[in-house]
Amino acid sequence: MRDVAAQTDNRGIPINRVGVRDIHLPVMIREKDGGMARVLGEFDVSVQLPHHERGTHMSRFVEVLSAWSRQPVATDEIRQMLEEIRSAFRADAARLQLTFKYFLEKDSPASGLTSSLDYDCLFAGQISDEDYRFTLGATVPIMTLCPCSKEISDYGAHSQRAQLTVRLRSSGDFIIWLEDLVPLLEAQGSYEVFPMLKRSDEKVVTEAAYDNPKFVEDVVRDTVLALRALASITWFSVECKSYESIHNHTAYAYAESGGE
């Protein structure tokens, strides 16, 4: 059977990335306590295609990823997956992004009731002859209470749910666990978000947020300071999006630090 994708192309145009997206597979994520979390993962994977190759064999991506869906995944495993992909395609460079929902237990602040909250998380890697780079990401829901609203109002202040998203890279064998990163990010808002609240909990949440007003700019700057205090981080980006309760728009702020 003739392999059309393997034909030579004479247009002289290399493709930076060619691959597949929206591949959904079960994945096992390593937990800090040594356990494994079974999650639904969504993959985006690609390789660099030389100018002389017409196409790539998409099924090879699925073949590699399917084998890894039955094994635990973290930074070292992402590198191994990328090396297998490079080898399968004889490619100079490859990229992979895995996004998934990760659940952590939270205790309500007054009642102490325990429930689980989901967080959008990301493992991403890129590899070439020069180096391998792994990126960890998490998006955490927080509260923001407007300092200006509190200042000008005789009583009350508008508050809203916001999202704080961080992407980071670290050097060497330094591991940042999601179990540590998520609480650190939650602490940067006016207050945390909880999946279950009784009336006594609502009182704590609303009063704590009122005592800690923050603009999105404040959240981003505080997060930058918190990340700078962590050892071995070589690059990070921080974005806060606030879904305003009294405006028909979303406020946001973004900052990054370190070399790419």
Protein backbone atom coordinates (compact mmCIF):
# COMPACT_ATOMS: atom_id res chain seq x y z
CA MET A 1 0.00 0.00 0.00
CA ARG A 2 1.48 3.34 -1.06
CA ASP A 3 2.41 5.69 1.81
CA VAL A 4 1.23 9.08 0.57
CA ALA A 5 2.24 10.95 3.73
CA ALA A 6 5.84 9.79 3.23
CA GLN A 7 6.11 11.38 -0.18
CA THR A 8 8.72 14.07 -0.81
CA ASP A 9 7.47 17.66 -0.86
CA ASN A 10 9.18 20.17 -3.16
CA ARG A 11 7.63 23.42 -1.92
CA GLY A 12 10.51 24.04 0.49
CA ILE A 13 8.36 25.02 3.49
CA PRO A 14 9.02 23.45 6.92
CA ILE A 15 6.11 23.07 9.35
CA ASN A 16 6.85 24.23 12.89
CA ARG A 17 4.19 22.05 14.47
CA VAL A 18 1.99 19.32 13.06
CA GLY A 19 0.05 16.92 15.21
CA VAL A 20 -3.22 16.15 16.94
CA ARG A 21 -5.36 17.89 19.52
CA ASP A 22 -8.37 16.99 21.65
CA ILE A 23 -7.22 13.45 22.40
CA HIS A 24 -9.04 12.34 25.54
CA LEU A 25 -7.49 9.49 27.51
CA PRO A 26 -7.47 8.28 31.13
CA VAL A 27 -4.24 9.32 32.84
CA MET A 28 -2.66 8.60 36.22
CA ILE A 29 -1.12 11.62 37.96
CA ARG A 30 1.47 11.15 40.69
CA GLU A 31 0.29 12.54 44.04
CA LYS A 32 2.54 14.05 46.68
CA ASP A 33 1.70 11.34 49.23
CA GLY A 34 2.83 8.61 46.83
CA GLY A 35 -0.62 7.71 45.52
CA MET A 36 -2.05 7.99 42.03
CA ALA A 37 -4.98 10.11 40.89
CA ARG A 38 -6.92 8.73 37.93
CA VAL A 39 -8.07 11.67 35.78
CA LEU A 40 -9.42 12.36 32.31
CA GLY A 41 -6.63 13.96 30.30
CA GLU A 42 -6.76 16.00 27.12
CA PHE A 43 -3.64 15.90 24.94
CA ASP A 44 -2.22 18.30 22.37
CA VAL A 45 0.91 16.83 20.75
CA SER A 46 2.99 17.82 17.76
CA VAL A 47 6.33 17.45 15.99
CA GLN A 48 8.42 19.62 13.71
CA LEU A 49 8.11 18.56 10.06
CA PRO A 50 11.05 19.12 7.66
CA HIS A 51 10.45 20.96 4.40
CA HIS A 52 11.02 17.84 2.29
CA GLU A 53 8.38 15.66 4.01
CA ARG A 54 4.82 15.98 2.74
CA GLY A 55 2.97 14.76 5.80
CA THR A 56 3.14 12.92 9.09
CA HIS A 57 1.54 9.74 10.37
CA MET A 58 -1.08 10.88 12.87
CA SER A 59 -1.81 7.40 14.21
CA ARG A 60 1.66 7.24 15.72
CA PHE A 61 0.76 10.00 18.17
CA VAL A 62 -2.25 8.07 19.40
CA GLU A 63 -0.21 4.88 19.62
CA VAL A 64 2.39 6.44 21.93
CA LEU A 65 -0.16 8.28 24.09
CA SER A 66 -2.42 5.24 24.48
CA ALA A 67 0.46 3.21 25.89
CA TRP A 68 1.24 5.93 28.43
CA SER A 69 -2.39 6.27 29.55
CA ARG A 70 -1.85 3.17 31.67
CA GLN A 71 1.22 4.52 33.47
CA PRO A 72 1.76 7.31 36.05
CA VAL A 73 2.73 10.64 34.54
CA ALA A 74 4.93 13.49 35.83
CA THR A 75 7.84 15.53 34.50
CA ASP A 76 10.17 12.56 33.83
CA GLU A 77 7.43 10.62 32.08
CA ILE A 78 6.52 13.60 29.88
CA ARG A 79 10.15 13.66 28.74
CA GLN A 80 10.07 9.93 27.95
CA MET A 81 6.84 10.37 25.98
CA LEU A 82 8.41 13.16 23.93
CA GLU A 83 11.53 11.11 23.26
CA GLU A 84 9.37 8.24 22.02
CA ILE A 85 7.44 10.64 19.78
CA ARG A 86 10.65 12.12 18.34
CA SER A 87 11.94 8.64 17.65
CA ALA A 88 8.69 7.46 16.05
CA PHE A 89 8.67 10.44 13.68
CA ARG A 90 12.45 10.94 13.38
CA ALA A 91 11.65 14.56 14.27
CA ASP A 92 14.05 17.29 15.39
CA ALA A 93 11.59 18.65 17.96
CA ALA A 94 8.35 17.66 19.66
CA ARG A 95 5.81 19.28 21.98
CA LEU A 96 3.14 17.89 24.28
CA GLN A 97 0.48 19.45 26.47
CA LEU A 98 -1.69 17.53 28.90
CA THR A 99 -4.59 19.29 30.62
CA PHE A 100 -6.72 17.68 33.31
CA LYS A 101 -8.99 18.30 36.29
CA TYR A 102 -7.27 17.68 39.59
CA PHE A 103 -9.25 17.33 42.83
CA LEU A 104 -8.08 18.36 46.28
CA GLU A 105 -9.97 18.15 49.55
CA LYS A 106 -10.81 21.39 51.37
CA ASP A 107 -12.16 21.99 54.86
CA SER A 108 -14.78 24.72 55.21
CA PRO A 109 -13.36 27.54 57.37
CA ALA A 110 -15.84 27.45 60.27
CA SER A 111 -17.76 24.18 60.14
CA GLY A 112 -14.73 22.13 59.15
CA LEU A 113 -16.76 20.10 56.66
CA THR A 114 -14.61 18.39 54.02
CA SER A 115 -15.41 18.40 50.32
CA SER A 116 -13.47 18.27 47.06
CA LEU A 117 -12.71 21.16 44.71
CA ASP A 118 -11.52 20.73 41.14
CA TYR A 119 -8.65 22.67 39.58
CA ASP A 120 -7.67 22.99 35.92
CA CYS A 121 -4.06 21.80 35.68
CA LEU A 122 -1.45 21.41 32.98
CA PHE A 123 1.70 19.44 32.25
CA ALA A 124 3.55 20.59 29.13
CA GLY A 125 6.88 19.67 27.63
CA GLN A 126 9.00 20.46 24.61
CA ILE A 127 12.15 18.69 23.51
CA SER A 128 14.83 19.17 20.87
CA ASP A 129 18.50 18.34 20.45
CA GLU A 130 19.31 21.40 22.57
CA ASP A 131 17.17 20.85 25.66
CA TYR A 132 14.02 19.66 27.39
CA ARG A 133 11.64 22.07 29.11
CA PHE A 134 8.77 21.09 31.38
CA THR A 135 6.00 23.50 32.37
CA LEU A 136 3.60 23.03 35.27
CA GLY A 137 0.35 24.97 35.31
CA ALA A 138 -2.68 25.45 37.53
CA THR A 139 -5.79 27.62 37.46
CA VAL A 140 -7.26 28.32 40.88
CA PRO A 141 -10.57 30.02 41.74
CA ILE A 142 -10.30 32.86 44.26
CA MET A 143 -12.33 35.82 45.53
CA THR A 144 -11.46 39.45 44.92
CA LEU A 145 -13.04 42.36 46.77
CA CYS A 146 -12.65 45.78 45.18
CA PRO A 147 -10.54 48.20 47.32
CA CYS A 148 -12.04 51.21 45.54
CA SER A 149 -15.60 50.03 46.18
CA LYS A 150 -14.82 49.55 49.85
CA GLU A 151 -13.18 52.97 50.11
CA ILE A 152 -16.01 55.00 48.58
CA SER A 153 -19.03 53.12 49.96
CA ASP A 154 -20.71 53.88 53.27
CA TYR A 155 -21.25 50.14 53.69
CA GLY A 156 -20.47 47.05 51.66
CA ALA A 157 -18.17 46.49 48.70
CA HIS A 158 -18.55 44.47 45.54
CA SER A 159 -16.77 41.14 45.41
CA GLN A 160 -16.55 38.47 42.74
CA ARG A 161 -15.06 35.16 41.80
CA ALA A 162 -11.76 35.33 39.96
CA GLN A 163 -9.31 32.91 38.39
CA LEU A 164 -5.60 32.91 39.12
CA THR A 165 -3.51 31.04 36.54
CA VAL A 166 0.19 30.25 36.93
CA ARG A 167 2.61 28.55 34.56
CA LEU A 168 6.12 27.82 35.83
CA ARG A 169 9.37 26.03 35.11
CA SER A 170 11.98 24.89 37.61
CA SER A 171 15.59 23.82 37.33
CA GLY A 172 17.19 20.46 38.00
CA ASP A 173 15.24 17.84 39.93
CA PHE A 174 13.26 20.38 41.95
CA ILE A 175 9.62 19.23 42.14
CA ILE A 176 6.68 21.51 42.80
CA TRP A 177 3.65 19.44 43.71
CA LEU A 178 0.14 20.58 42.84
CA GLU A 179 -0.73 19.90 46.48
CA ASP A 180 1.68 22.72 47.42
CA LEU A 181 1.15 25.07 44.48
CA VAL A 182 -2.64 25.26 44.71
CA PRO A 183 -2.83 26.42 48.39
CA LEU A 184 -0.07 28.95 47.72
CA LEU A 185 -2.14 30.45 44.89
CA GLU A 186 -5.39 30.38 46.85
CA ALA A 187 -3.74 32.51 49.54
CA GLN A 188 -3.12 35.37 47.08
CA GLY A 189 -6.76 36.40 46.61
CA SER A 190 -8.97 38.35 48.96
CA TYR A 191 -10.07 34.93 50.15
CA GLU A 192 -10.45 31.34 49.02
CA VAL A 193 -13.35 29.68 47.22
CA PHE A 194 -14.97 26.59 48.78
CA PRO A 195 -17.21 23.90 47.29
CA MET A 196 -19.40 23.67 50.38
CA LEU A 197 -20.32 26.41 52.86
CA LYS A 198 -22.70 26.54 55.80
CA ARG A 199 -23.95 29.88 57.14
CA SER A 200 -21.14 30.03 59.68
CA ASP A 201 -18.66 29.49 56.83
CA GLU A 202 -20.24 32.20 54.67
CA LYS A 203 -19.79 34.68 57.51
CA VAL A 204 -16.07 33.87 57.69
CA VAL A 205 -15.60 34.05 53.93
CA THR A 206 -17.39 37.37 53.38
CA GLU A 207 -15.81 39.10 56.36
CA ALA A 208 -12.31 37.81 55.58
CA ALA A 209 -12.59 39.03 51.98
CA TYR A 210 -13.86 42.42 53.19
CA ASP A 211 -10.80 42.75 55.42
CA ASN A 212 -8.46 41.89 52.53
CA PRO A 213 -9.52 43.94 49.45
CA LYS A 214 -7.46 43.37 46.30
CA PHE A 215 -7.40 44.55 42.71
CA VAL A 216 -6.33 42.03 40.07
CA GLU A 217 -3.06 43.98 40.02
CA ASP A 218 -2.60 43.28 43.75
CA VAL A 219 -3.25 39.57 43.24
CA VAL A 220 -0.71 39.30 40.44
CA ARG A 221 2.00 41.23 42.31
CA ASP A 222 1.47 39.21 45.50
CA THR A 223 1.66 35.99 43.48
CA VAL A 224 4.91 37.11 41.84
CA LEU A 225 6.43 37.71 45.28
CA ALA A 226 5.22 34.31 46.52
CA LEU A 227 6.72 32.52 43.51
CA ARG A 228 10.01 34.39 43.77
CA ALA A 229 10.34 32.99 47.29
CA LEU A 230 10.33 29.42 45.94
CA ALA A 231 13.70 27.88 45.17
CA SER A 232 14.78 26.80 41.70
CA ILE A 233 11.99 28.44 39.65
CA THR A 234 13.55 29.66 36.40
CA TRP A 235 10.47 31.15 34.70
CA PHE A 236 6.83 31.80 35.51
CA SER A 237 3.78 33.64 34.26
CA VAL A 238 0.86 34.88 36.36
CA GLU A 239 -2.59 35.97 35.19
CA CYS A 240 -5.61 36.97 37.24
CA LYS A 241 -9.05 37.31 35.64
CA SER A 242 -11.85 38.82 37.71
CA TYR A 243 -15.44 38.19 36.59
CA GLU A 244 -16.78 41.53 37.73
CA SER A 245 -20.09 41.48 39.58
CA ILE A 246 -21.12 45.10 38.78
CA HIS A 247 -19.63 45.41 35.28
CA ASN A 248 -20.31 43.64 32.01
CA HIS A 249 -16.65 42.90 31.46
CA THR A 250 -13.77 40.91 32.93
CA ALA A 251 -10.79 42.63 34.53
CA TYR A 252 -7.37 41.01 34.19
CA ALA A 253 -3.68 41.50 34.87
CA TYR A 254 -0.64 39.53 33.68
CA ALA A 255 3.06 39.39 34.54
CA GLU A 256 5.94 37.02 33.90
CA SER A 257 9.49 36.66 35.13
CA GLY A 258 12.60 34.78 34.07
CA GLY A 259 13.99 33.70 30.73
CA GLU A 260 12.01 31.58 28.32
